[in-house]
């Protein structure tokens, strides 16, 4: 059974950076679509960035130029480098490998 665990969240000031990591245990097919999603208080979960098995990457418009998704298939790990963070980036960030979700990690951007 595949399990997915996120790490790297925390409190950061506006303009700061954080790097989220997500590691999957179990048998992982490298061609799975993997992605980061977020859910802010009172809002629906939204996609932040996804990377397909062939390496094609898509970002939501609000994070383009600030966030970078990457992966290490050998380590079954997905990353999200977040730069120039804004208060509106505050949310619980979730990782997804195929159809398996992690439990999320909280990112708070505040001065």
PDB file of N, CA and C in Angstrom:
ATOM      1  N   UNK A   1       0.848  -1.183   0.000  1.00  0.00           N
ATOM      2  CA  UNK A   1       0.000   0.000   0.000  1.00  0.00           C
ATOM      3  C   UNK A   1       0.888   1.239   0.000  1.00  0.00           C
ATOM      4  N   UNK A   2       0.576   2.161  -0.875  1.00  0.00           N
ATOM      5  CA  UNK A   2       1.375   3.371  -1.002  1.00  0.00           C
ATOM      6  C   UNK A   2       0.981   4.374   0.077  1.00  0.00           C
ATOM      7  N   UNK A   3       1.978   4.971   0.694  1.00  0.00           N
ATOM      8  CA  UNK A   3       1.753   6.070   1.646  1.00  0.00           C
ATOM      9  C   UNK A   3       2.570   7.267   1.210  1.00  0.00           C
ATOM     10  N   UNK A   4       2.008   8.441   1.408  1.00  0.00           N
ATOM     11  CA  UNK A   4       2.651   9.676   0.983  1.00  0.00           C
ATOM     12  C   UNK A   4       2.739  10.616   2.179  1.00  0.00           C
ATOM     13  N   UNK A   5       3.925  11.153   2.442  1.00  0.00           N
ATOM     14  CA  UNK A   5       4.129  12.015   3.602  1.00  0.00           C
ATOM     15  C   UNK A   5       4.826  13.303   3.177  1.00  0.00           C
ATOM     16  N   UNK A   6       4.193  14.429   3.529  1.00  0.00           N
ATOM     17  CA  UNK A   6       4.771  15.740   3.232  1.00  0.00           C
ATOM     18  C   UNK A   6       5.573  16.256   4.416  1.00  0.00           C
ATOM     19  N   UNK A   7       6.531  17.145   4.112  1.00  0.00           N
ATOM     20  CA  UNK A   7       7.287  17.831   5.158  1.00  0.00           C
ATOM     21  C   UNK A   7       7.775  19.165   4.615  1.00  0.00           C
ATOM     22  N   UNK A   8       8.206  20.032   5.538  1.00  0.00           N
ATOM     23  CA  UNK A   8       8.812  21.293   5.128  1.00  0.00           C
ATOM     24  C   UNK A   8       7.961  22.520   5.330  1.00  0.00           C
ATOM     25  N   UNK A   9       6.727  22.338   5.789  1.00  0.00           N
ATOM     26  CA  UNK A   9       5.893  23.507   6.025  1.00  0.00           C
ATOM     27  C   UNK A   9       6.354  24.285   7.239  1.00  0.00           C
ATOM     28  N   UNK A  10       5.746  25.452   7.424  1.00  0.00           N
ATOM     29  CA  UNK A  10       6.098  26.266   8.580  1.00  0.00           C
ATOM     30  C   UNK A  10       5.657  27.691   8.405  1.00  0.00           C
ATOM     31  N   UNK A  11       6.173  28.540   9.273  1.00  0.00           N
ATOM     32  CA  UNK A  11       5.859  29.965   9.254  1.00  0.00           C
ATOM     33  C   UNK A  11       6.998  30.720   8.564  1.00  0.00           C
ATOM     34  N   UNK A  12       6.648  31.565   7.626  1.00  0.00           N
ATOM     35  CA  UNK A  12       7.654  32.336   6.897  1.00  0.00           C
ATOM     36  C   UNK A  12       7.121  33.741   6.657  1.00  0.00           C
ATOM     37  N   UNK A  13       8.018  34.706   6.617  1.00  0.00           N
ATOM     38  CA  UNK A  13       7.597  36.086   6.360  1.00  0.00           C
ATOM     39  C   UNK A  13       7.331  36.292   4.879  1.00  0.00           C
ATOM     40  N   UNK A  14       6.500  37.266   4.548  1.00  0.00           N
ATOM     41  CA  UNK A  14       6.278  37.597   3.128  1.00  0.00           C
ATOM     42  C   UNK A  14       7.604  37.861   2.425  1.00  0.00           C
ATOM     43  N   UNK A  15       7.734  37.318   1.224  1.00  0.00           N
ATOM     44  CA  UNK A  15       8.977  37.438   0.475  1.00  0.00           C
ATOM     45  C   UNK A  15       9.964  36.319   0.732  1.00  0.00           C
ATOM     46  N   UNK A  16       9.676  35.505   1.718  1.00  0.00           N
ATOM     47  CA  UNK A  16      10.575  34.416   2.067  1.00  0.00           C
ATOM     48  C   UNK A  16      10.372  33.184   1.213  1.00  0.00           C
ATOM     49  N   UNK A  17      11.112  32.140   1.567  1.00  0.00           N
ATOM     50  CA  UNK A  17      11.087  30.894   0.798  1.00  0.00           C
ATOM     51  C   UNK A  17      10.893  29.691   1.715  1.00  0.00           C
ATOM     52  N   UNK A  18      10.314  28.663   1.151  1.00  0.00           N
ATOM     53  CA  UNK A  18      10.202  27.355   1.805  1.00  0.00           C
ATOM     54  C   UNK A  18      10.345  26.283   0.740  1.00  0.00           C
ATOM     55  N   UNK A  19      10.818  25.132   1.161  1.00  0.00           N
ATOM     56  CA  UNK A  19      10.892  23.987   0.257  1.00  0.00           C
ATOM     57  C   UNK A  19      10.125  22.830   0.878  1.00  0.00           C
ATOM     58  N   UNK A  20       9.088  22.409   0.193  1.00  0.00           N
ATOM     59  CA  UNK A  20       8.308  21.270   0.632  1.00  0.00           C
ATOM     60  C   UNK A  20       8.848  20.002  -0.012  1.00  0.00           C
ATOM     61  N   UNK A  21       8.779  18.922   0.753  1.00  0.00           N
ATOM     62  CA  UNK A  21       9.163  17.612   0.237  1.00  0.00           C
ATOM     63  C   UNK A  21       8.026  16.635   0.457  1.00  0.00           C
ATOM     64  N   UNK A  22       7.977  15.637  -0.370  1.00  0.00           N
ATOM     65  CA  UNK A  22       6.937  14.623  -0.273  1.00  0.00           C
ATOM     66  C   UNK A  22       7.553  13.301  -0.698  1.00  0.00           C
ATOM     67  N   UNK A  23       7.519  12.346   0.205  1.00  0.00           N
ATOM     68  CA  UNK A  23       8.109  11.048  -0.087  1.00  0.00           C
ATOM     69  C   UNK A  23       7.044   9.969  -0.033  1.00  0.00           C
ATOM     70  N   UNK A  24       7.068   9.118  -1.028  1.00  0.00           N
ATOM     71  CA  UNK A  24       6.118   8.017  -1.097  1.00  0.00           C
ATOM     72  C   UNK A  24       6.809   6.703  -0.776  1.00  0.00           C
ATOM     73  N   UNK A  25       6.153   5.886   0.009  1.00  0.00           N
ATOM     74  CA  UNK A  25       6.667   4.560   0.326  1.00  0.00           C
ATOM     75  C   UNK A  25       5.808   3.533  -0.391  1.00  0.00           C
ATOM     76  N   UNK A  26       6.363   2.368  -0.616  1.00  0.00           N
ATOM     77  CA  UNK A  26       5.629   1.358  -1.341  1.00  0.00           C
ATOM     78  C   UNK A  26       6.050   1.342  -2.797  1.00  0.00           C
ATOM     79  N   UNK A  27       5.330   0.588  -3.574  1.00  0.00           N
ATOM     80  CA  UNK A  27       5.665   0.438  -4.979  1.00  0.00           C
ATOM     81  C   UNK A  27       5.109   1.611  -5.773  1.00  0.00           C
ATOM     82  N   UNK A  28       6.023   2.411  -6.332  1.00  0.00           N
ATOM     83  CA  UNK A  28       5.623   3.605  -7.056  1.00  0.00           C
ATOM     84  C   UNK A  28       5.994   3.472  -8.524  1.00  0.00           C
ATOM     85  N   UNK A  29       5.049   3.756  -9.384  1.00  0.00           N
ATOM     86  CA  UNK A  29       5.292   3.756 -10.813  1.00  0.00           C
ATOM     87  C   UNK A  29       5.758   5.143 -11.201  1.00  0.00           C
ATOM     88  N   UNK A  30       6.959   5.237 -11.755  1.00  0.00           N
ATOM     89  CA  UNK A  30       7.552   6.545 -12.016  1.00  0.00           C
ATOM     90  C   UNK A  30       6.735   7.380 -12.980  1.00  0.00           C
ATOM     91  N   UNK A  31       5.873   6.740 -13.789  1.00  0.00           N
ATOM     92  CA  UNK A  31       5.096   7.490 -14.773  1.00  0.00           C
ATOM     93  C   UNK A  31       3.847   8.119 -14.180  1.00  0.00           C
ATOM     94  N   UNK A  32       3.607   7.908 -12.885  1.00  0.00           N
ATOM     95  CA  UNK A  32       2.434   8.508 -12.267  1.00  0.00           C
ATOM     96  C   UNK A  32       2.495  10.023 -12.328  1.00  0.00           C
ATOM     97  N   UNK A  33       1.347  10.623 -12.515  1.00  0.00           N
ATOM     98  CA  UNK A  33       1.258  12.067 -12.369  1.00  0.00           C
ATOM     99  C   UNK A  33       1.397  12.387 -10.893  1.00  0.00           C
ATOM    100  N   UNK A  34       2.227  13.363 -10.593  1.00  0.00           N
ATOM    101  CA  UNK A  34       2.450  13.770  -9.214  1.00  0.00           C
ATOM    102  C   UNK A  34       2.192  15.266  -9.116  1.00  0.00           C
ATOM    103  N   UNK A  35       1.713  15.683  -7.970  1.00  0.00           N
ATOM    104  CA  UNK A  35       1.417  17.104  -7.886  1.00  0.00           C
ATOM    105  C   UNK A  35       1.282  17.626  -6.485  1.00  0.00           C
ATOM    106  N   UNK A  36       1.268  18.934  -6.406  1.00  0.00           N
ATOM    107  CA  UNK A  36       1.033  19.670  -5.166  1.00  0.00           C
ATOM    108  C   UNK A  36      -0.285  20.422  -5.282  1.00  0.00           C
ATOM    109  N   UNK A  37      -1.035  20.372  -4.210  1.00  0.00           N
ATOM    110  CA  UNK A  37      -2.319  21.057  -4.122  1.00  0.00           C
ATOM    111  C   UNK A  37      -2.329  21.837  -2.810  1.00  0.00           C
ATOM    112  N   UNK A  38      -3.249  22.771  -2.698  1.00  0.00           N
ATOM    113  CA  UNK A  38      -3.368  23.511  -1.443  1.00  0.00           C
ATOM    114  C   UNK A  38      -4.810  23.853  -1.152  1.00  0.00           C
ATOM    115  N   UNK A  39      -5.065  24.025   0.139  1.00  0.00           N
ATOM    116  CA  UNK A  39      -6.406  24.400   0.568  1.00  0.00           C
ATOM    117  C   UNK A  39      -6.284  25.461   1.648  1.00  0.00           C
ATOM    118  N   UNK A  40      -6.752  26.639   1.332  1.00  0.00           N
ATOM    119  CA  UNK A  40      -6.756  27.737   2.289  1.00  0.00           C
ATOM    120  C   UNK A  40      -8.028  27.667   3.134  1.00  0.00           C
ATOM    121  N   UNK A  41      -8.028  28.262   4.302  1.00  0.00           N
ATOM    122  CA  UNK A  41      -9.215  28.218   5.165  1.00  0.00           C
ATOM    123  C   UNK A  41     -10.453  28.720   4.440  1.00  0.00           C
ATOM    124  N   UNK A  42     -11.514  27.931   4.488  1.00  0.00           N
ATOM    125  CA  UNK A  42     -12.769  28.334   3.881  1.00  0.00           C
ATOM    126  C   UNK A  42     -12.821  28.230   2.370  1.00  0.00           C
ATOM    127  N   UNK A  43     -11.771  27.675   1.780  1.00  0.00           N
ATOM    128  CA  UNK A  43     -11.742  27.584   0.329  1.00  0.00           C
ATOM    129  C   UNK A  43     -11.599  26.129  -0.115  1.00  0.00           C
ATOM    130  N   UNK A  44     -11.879  25.901  -1.392  1.00  0.00           N
ATOM    131  CA  UNK A  44     -11.733  24.561  -1.938  1.00  0.00           C
ATOM    132  C   UNK A  44     -10.266  24.263  -2.237  1.00  0.00           C
ATOM    133  N   UNK A  45      -9.935  22.991  -2.235  1.00  0.00           N
ATOM    134  CA  UNK A  45      -8.582  22.580  -2.590  1.00  0.00           C
ATOM    135  C   UNK A  45      -8.338  22.904  -4.061  1.00  0.00           C
ATOM    136  N   UNK A  46      -7.140  23.440  -4.337  1.00  0.00           N
ATOM    137  CA  UNK A  46      -6.803  23.781  -5.710  1.00  0.00           C
ATOM    138  C   UNK A  46      -5.447  23.187  -6.075  1.00  0.00           C
ATOM    139  N   UNK A  47      -5.262  22.956  -7.353  1.00  0.00           N
ATOM    140  CA  UNK A  47      -3.979  22.467  -7.822  1.00  0.00           C
ATOM    141  C   UNK A  47      -2.982  23.617  -7.810  1.00  0.00           C
ATOM    142  N   UNK A  48      -1.767  23.324  -7.405  1.00  0.00           N
ATOM    143  CA  UNK A  48      -0.686  24.313  -7.423  1.00  0.00           C
ATOM    144  C   UNK A  48       0.260  24.015  -8.583  1.00  0.00           C
ATOM    145  N   UNK A  49       0.714  22.769  -8.660  1.00  0.00           N
ATOM    146  CA  UNK A  49       1.638  22.373  -9.719  1.00  0.00           C
ATOM    147  C   UNK A  49       1.576  20.870  -9.884  1.00  0.00           C
ATOM    148  N   UNK A  50       1.663  20.415 -11.119  1.00  0.00           N
ATOM    149  CA  UNK A  50       1.685  18.977 -11.388  1.00  0.00           C
ATOM    150  C   UNK A  50       2.794  18.668 -12.366  1.00  0.00           C
ATOM    151  N   UNK A  51       3.319  17.456 -12.255  1.00  0.00           N
ATOM    152  CA  UNK A  51       4.346  16.996 -13.180  1.00  0.00           C
ATOM    153  C   UNK A  51       3.948  15.608 -13.661  1.00  0.00           C
ATOM    154  N   UNK A  52       3.878  15.457 -14.959  1.00  0.00           N
ATOM    155  CA  UNK A  52       3.471  14.183 -15.546  1.00  0.00           C
ATOM    156  C   UNK A  52       4.659  13.237 -15.653  1.00  0.00           C
ATOM    157  N   UNK A  53       4.345  11.994 -15.964  1.00  0.00           N
ATOM    158  CA  UNK A  53       5.407  11.000 -16.093  1.00  0.00           C
ATOM    159  C   UNK A  53       6.442  11.356 -17.139  1.00  0.00           C
ATOM    160  N   UNK A  54       6.003  12.065 -18.182  1.00  0.00           N
ATOM    161  CA  UNK A  54       6.931  12.463 -19.245  1.00  0.00           C
ATOM    162  C   UNK A  54       7.645  13.764 -18.930  1.00  0.00           C
ATOM    163  N   UNK A  55       7.394  14.311 -17.736  1.00  0.00           N
ATOM    164  CA  UNK A  55       8.093  15.516 -17.300  1.00  0.00           C
ATOM    165  C   UNK A  55       7.396  16.822 -17.593  1.00  0.00           C
ATOM    166  N   UNK A  56       6.255  16.772 -18.263  1.00  0.00           N
ATOM    167  CA  UNK A  56       5.521  18.007 -18.545  1.00  0.00           C
ATOM    168  C   UNK A  56       4.994  18.578 -17.227  1.00  0.00           C
ATOM    169  N   UNK A  57       5.187  19.876 -17.052  1.00  0.00           N
ATOM    170  CA  UNK A  57       4.837  20.569 -15.811  1.00  0.00           C
ATOM    171  C   UNK A  57       3.810  21.653 -16.079  1.00  0.00           C
ATOM    172  N   UNK A  58       2.868  21.765 -15.171  1.00  0.00           N
ATOM    173  CA  UNK A  58       1.890  22.850 -15.242  1.00  0.00           C
ATOM    174  C   UNK A  58       1.751  23.487 -13.871  1.00  0.00           C
ATOM    175  N   UNK A  59       1.592  24.802 -13.871  1.00  0.00           N
ATOM    176  CA  UNK A  59       1.397  25.575 -12.643  1.00  0.00           C
ATOM    177  C   UNK A  59       0.097  26.354 -12.719  1.00  0.00           C
ATOM    178  N   UNK A  60      -0.489  26.583 -11.556  1.00  0.00           N
ATOM    179  CA  UNK A  60      -1.593  27.524 -11.501  1.00  0.00           C
ATOM    180  C   UNK A  60      -1.001  28.916 -11.726  1.00  0.00           C
ATOM    181  N   UNK A  61      -1.760  29.789 -12.362  1.00  0.00           N
ATOM    182  CA  UNK A  61      -1.225  31.097 -12.750  1.00  0.00           C
ATOM    183  C   UNK A  61      -0.670  31.882 -11.561  1.00  0.00           C
ATOM    184  N   UNK A  62      -1.279  31.748 -10.409  1.00  0.00           N
ATOM    185  CA  UNK A  62      -0.904  32.573  -9.259  1.00  0.00           C
ATOM    186  C   UNK A  62       0.488  32.254  -8.708  1.00  0.00           C
ATOM    187  N   UNK A  63       1.073  31.128  -9.088  1.00  0.00           N
ATOM    188  CA  UNK A  63       2.394  30.777  -8.561  1.00  0.00           C
ATOM    189  C   UNK A  63       3.470  30.748  -9.644  1.00  0.00           C
ATOM    190  N   UNK A  64       3.090  30.969 -10.884  1.00  0.00           N
ATOM    191  CA  UNK A  64       4.069  30.931 -11.981  1.00  0.00           C
ATOM    192  C   UNK A  64       5.177  31.953 -11.741  1.00  0.00           C
ATOM    193  N   UNK A  65       6.419  31.489 -11.903  1.00  0.00           N
ATOM    194  CA  UNK A  65       7.565  32.357 -11.690  1.00  0.00           C
ATOM    195  C   UNK A  65       8.029  32.415 -10.253  1.00  0.00           C
ATOM    196  N   UNK A  66       7.260  31.856  -9.339  1.00  0.00           N
ATOM    197  CA  UNK A  66       7.626  31.873  -7.915  1.00  0.00           C
ATOM    198  C   UNK A  66       7.845  30.468  -7.354  1.00  0.00           C
ATOM    199  N   UNK A  67       7.086  29.513  -7.825  1.00  0.00           N
ATOM    200  CA  UNK A  67       7.175  28.139  -7.329  1.00  0.00           C
ATOM    201  C   UNK A  67       7.792  27.246  -8.404  1.00  0.00           C
ATOM    202  N   UNK A  68       8.517  26.214  -7.942  1.00  0.00           N
ATOM    203  CA  UNK A  68       9.121  25.254  -8.858  1.00  0.00           C
ATOM    204  C   UNK A  68       8.891  23.841  -8.333  1.00  0.00           C
ATOM    205  N   UNK A  69       8.275  23.016  -9.160  1.00  0.00           N
ATOM    206  CA  UNK A  69       8.063  21.621  -8.809  1.00  0.00           C
ATOM    207  C   UNK A  69       9.177  20.789  -9.431  1.00  0.00           C
ATOM    208  N   UNK A  70       9.633  19.789  -8.690  1.00  0.00           N
ATOM    209  CA  UNK A  70      10.646  18.884  -9.215  1.00  0.00           C
ATOM    210  C   UNK A  70      10.475  17.526  -8.562  1.00  0.00           C
ATOM    211  N   UNK A  71      11.156  16.547  -9.099  1.00  0.00           N
ATOM    212  CA  UNK A  71      11.007  15.190  -8.574  1.00  0.00           C
ATOM    213  C   UNK A  71      12.337  14.449  -8.637  1.00  0.00           C
ATOM    214  N   UNK A  72      12.439  13.452  -7.784  1.00  0.00           N
ATOM    215  CA  UNK A  72      13.561  12.526  -7.807  1.00  0.00           C
ATOM    216  C   UNK A  72      12.932  11.137  -7.814  1.00  0.00           C
ATOM    217  N   UNK A  73      12.803  10.555  -8.994  1.00  0.00           N
ATOM    218  CA  UNK A  73      12.120   9.264  -9.102  1.00  0.00           C
ATOM    219  C   UNK A  73      12.859   8.170  -8.344  1.00  0.00           C
ATOM    220  N   UNK A  74      14.168   8.249  -8.292  1.00  0.00           N
ATOM    221  CA  UNK A  74      14.945   7.222  -7.594  1.00  0.00           C
ATOM    222  C   UNK A  74      14.640   7.214  -6.096  1.00  0.00           C
ATOM    223  N   UNK A  75      14.271   8.385  -5.584  1.00  0.00           N
ATOM    224  CA  UNK A  75      13.962   8.507  -4.157  1.00  0.00           C
ATOM    225  C   UNK A  75      12.466   8.562  -3.889  1.00  0.00           C
ATOM    226  N   UNK A  76      11.651   8.419  -4.947  1.00  0.00           N
ATOM    227  CA  UNK A  76      10.186   8.541  -4.795  1.00  0.00           C
ATOM    228  C   UNK A  76       9.819   9.830  -4.070  1.00  0.00           C
ATOM    229  N   UNK A  77      10.488  10.907  -4.429  1.00  0.00           N
ATOM    230  CA  UNK A  77      10.299  12.172  -3.723  1.00  0.00           C
ATOM    231  C   UNK A  77       9.931  13.276  -4.693  1.00  0.00           C
ATOM    232  N   UNK A  78       9.011  14.096  -4.242  1.00  0.00           N
ATOM    233  CA  UNK A  78       8.533  15.256  -4.991  1.00  0.00           C
ATOM    234  C   UNK A  78       8.839  16.488  -4.166  1.00  0.00           C
ATOM    235  N   UNK A  79       9.220  17.559  -4.839  1.00  0.00           N
ATOM    236  CA  UNK A  79       9.574  18.808  -4.145  1.00  0.00           C
ATOM    237  C   UNK A  79       8.741  19.966  -4.670  1.00  0.00           C
ATOM    238  N   UNK A  80       8.601  20.970  -3.820  1.00  0.00           N
ATOM    239  CA  UNK A  80       8.011  22.231  -4.253  1.00  0.00           C
ATOM    240  C   UNK A  80       8.836  23.350  -3.626  1.00  0.00           C
ATOM    241  N   UNK A  81       9.623  24.018  -4.447  1.00  0.00           N
ATOM    242  CA  UNK A  81      10.377  25.183  -4.000  1.00  0.00           C
ATOM    243  C   UNK A  81       9.487  26.401  -4.136  1.00  0.00           C
ATOM    244  N   UNK A  82       9.266  27.084  -3.035  1.00  0.00           N
ATOM    245  CA  UNK A  82       8.367  28.227  -3.026  1.00  0.00           C
ATOM    246  C   UNK A  82       9.161  29.477  -2.657  1.00  0.00           C
ATOM    247  N   UNK A  83       9.247  30.409  -3.576  1.00  0.00           N
ATOM    248  CA  UNK A  83       9.962  31.664  -3.368  1.00  0.00           C
ATOM    249  C   UNK A  83       9.006  32.846  -3.446  1.00  0.00           C
ATOM    250  N   UNK A  84       9.455  33.979  -2.948  1.00  0.00           N
ATOM    251  CA  UNK A  84       8.640  35.196  -2.981  1.00  0.00           C
ATOM    252  C   UNK A  84       7.235  34.933  -2.450  1.00  0.00           C
ATOM    253  N   UNK A  85       7.184  34.294  -1.318  1.00  0.00           N
ATOM    254  CA  UNK A  85       5.892  33.898  -0.751  1.00  0.00           C
ATOM    255  C   UNK A  85       5.064  35.112  -0.358  1.00  0.00           C
ATOM    256  N   UNK A  86       3.762  34.942  -0.510  1.00  0.00           N
ATOM    257  CA  UNK A  86       2.801  35.999  -0.209  1.00  0.00           C
ATOM    258  C   UNK A  86       1.817  35.489   0.853  1.00  0.00           C
ATOM    259  N   UNK A  87       1.196  36.393   1.587  1.00  0.00           N
ATOM    260  CA  UNK A  87       0.208  35.946   2.578  1.00  0.00           C
ATOM    261  C   UNK A  87      -0.888  35.069   1.963  1.00  0.00           C
ATOM    262  N   UNK A  88      -1.246  35.339   0.724  1.00  0.00           N
ATOM    263  CA  UNK A  88      -2.296  34.537   0.090  1.00  0.00           C
ATOM    264  C   UNK A  88      -1.845  33.128  -0.267  1.00  0.00           C
ATOM    265  N   UNK A  89      -0.569  32.825  -0.074  1.00  0.00           N
ATOM    266  CA  UNK A  89      -0.088  31.454  -0.252  1.00  0.00           C
ATOM    267  C   UNK A  89      -0.332  30.601   0.996  1.00  0.00           C
ATOM    268  N   UNK A  90      -0.797  31.225   2.058  1.00  0.00           N
ATOM    269  CA  UNK A  90      -1.075  30.487   3.282  1.00  0.00           C
ATOM    270  C   UNK A  90      -2.143  29.430   3.037  1.00  0.00           C
ATOM    271  N   UNK A  91      -1.812  28.192   3.380  1.00  0.00           N
ATOM    272  CA  UNK A  91      -2.726  27.071   3.130  1.00  0.00           C
ATOM    273  C   UNK A  91      -2.101  25.797   3.662  1.00  0.00           C
ATOM    274  N   UNK A  92      -2.901  24.762   3.698  1.00  0.00           N
ATOM    275  CA  UNK A  92      -2.364  23.422   3.889  1.00  0.00           C
ATOM    276  C   UNK A  92      -2.010  22.892   2.506  1.00  0.00           C
ATOM    277  N   UNK A  93      -0.780  22.450   2.363  1.00  0.00           N
ATOM    278  CA  UNK A  93      -0.297  21.952   1.080  1.00  0.00           C
ATOM    279  C   UNK A  93      -0.292  20.422   1.099  1.00  0.00           C
ATOM    280  N   UNK A  94      -0.875  19.861   0.076  1.00  0.00           N
ATOM    281  CA  UNK A  94      -0.998  18.419  -0.045  1.00  0.00           C
ATOM    282  C   UNK A  94      -0.212  17.920  -1.253  1.00  0.00           C
ATOM    283  N   UNK A  95       0.353  16.754  -1.088  1.00  0.00           N
ATOM    284  CA  UNK A  95       1.048  16.083  -2.171  1.00  0.00           C
ATOM    285  C   UNK A  95       0.168  14.921  -2.641  1.00  0.00           C
ATOM    286  N   UNK A  96       0.256  14.628  -3.932  1.00  0.00           N
ATOM    287  CA  UNK A  96      -0.522  13.528  -4.492  1.00  0.00           C
ATOM    288  C   UNK A  96       0.334  12.757  -5.479  1.00  0.00           C
ATOM    289  N   UNK A  97       0.435  11.444  -5.264  1.00  0.00           N
ATOM    290  CA  UNK A  97       1.110  10.536  -6.187  1.00  0.00           C
ATOM    291  C   UNK A  97       0.021   9.680  -6.809  1.00  0.00           C
ATOM    292  N   UNK A  98      -0.250   9.893  -8.088  1.00  0.00           N
ATOM    293  CA  UNK A  98      -1.330   9.146  -8.717  1.00  0.00           C
ATOM    294  C   UNK A  98      -2.636   9.489  -8.047  1.00  0.00           C
ATOM    295  N   UNK A  99      -3.239   8.530  -7.353  1.00  0.00           N
ATOM    296  CA  UNK A  99      -4.503   8.763  -6.661  1.00  0.00           C
ATOM    297  C   UNK A  99      -4.331   8.792  -5.142  1.00  0.00           C
ATOM    298  N   UNK A 100      -3.102   8.766  -4.663  1.00  0.00           N
ATOM    299  CA  UNK A 100      -2.820   8.718  -3.228  1.00  0.00           C
ATOM    300  C   UNK A 100      -2.439  10.094  -2.705  1.00  0.00           C
ATOM    301  N   UNK A 101      -3.168  10.536  -1.691  1.00  0.00           N
ATOM    302  CA  UNK A 101      -2.933  11.844  -1.081  1.00  0.00           C
ATOM    303  C   UNK A 101      -2.125  11.711   0.203  1.00  0.00           C
ATOM    304  N   UNK A 102      -1.309  12.726   0.473  1.00  0.00           N
ATOM    305  CA  UNK A 102      -0.716  12.858   1.780  1.00  0.00           C
ATOM    306  C   UNK A 102      -1.682  13.571   2.714  1.00  0.00           C
ATOM    307  N   UNK A 103      -1.255  13.738   3.970  1.00  0.00           N
ATOM    308  CA  UNK A 103      -2.127  14.370   4.964  1.00  0.00           C
ATOM    309  C   UNK A 103      -1.970  15.873   5.010  1.00  0.00           C
ATOM    310  N   UNK A 104      -0.961  16.387   4.345  1.00  0.00           N
ATOM    311  CA  UNK A 104      -0.789  17.824   4.236  1.00  0.00           C
ATOM    312  C   UNK A 104       0.220  18.398   5.209  1.00  0.00           C
ATOM    313  N   UNK A 105       0.746  19.563   4.840  1.00  0.00           N
ATOM    314  CA  UNK A 105       1.651  20.310   5.692  1.00  0.00           C
ATOM    315  C   UNK A 105       1.253  21.787   5.610  1.00  0.00           C
ATOM    316  N   UNK A 106       1.218  22.447   6.764  1.00  0.00           N
ATOM    317  CA  UNK A 106       0.725  23.815   6.831  1.00  0.00           C
ATOM    318  C   UNK A 106       1.830  24.815   6.490  1.00  0.00           C
ATOM    319  N   UNK A 107       1.500  25.720   5.595  1.00  0.00           N
ATOM    320  CA  UNK A 107       2.380  26.834   5.255  1.00  0.00           C
ATOM    321  C   UNK A 107       1.669  28.117   5.646  1.00  0.00           C
ATOM    322  N   UNK A 108       2.318  28.907   6.484  1.00  0.00           N
ATOM    323  CA  UNK A 108       1.759  30.180   6.917  1.00  0.00           C
ATOM    324  C   UNK A 108       2.717  31.289   6.534  1.00  0.00           C
ATOM    325  N   UNK A 109       2.216  32.247   5.772  1.00  0.00           N
ATOM    326  CA  UNK A 109       3.028  33.380   5.341  1.00  0.00           C
ATOM    327  C   UNK A 109       2.484  34.621   6.049  1.00  0.00           C
ATOM    328  N   UNK A 110       3.264  35.112   6.982  1.00  0.00           N
ATOM    329  CA  UNK A 110       2.792  36.227   7.808  1.00  0.00           C
ATOM    330  C   UNK A 110       3.973  36.945   8.420  1.00  0.00           C
ATOM    331  N   UNK A 111       3.809  38.250   8.619  1.00  0.00           N
ATOM    332  CA  UNK A 111       4.835  39.035   9.287  1.00  0.00           C
ATOM    333  C   UNK A 111       4.546  39.123  10.781  1.00  0.00           C
TER     334      UNK A 111
END
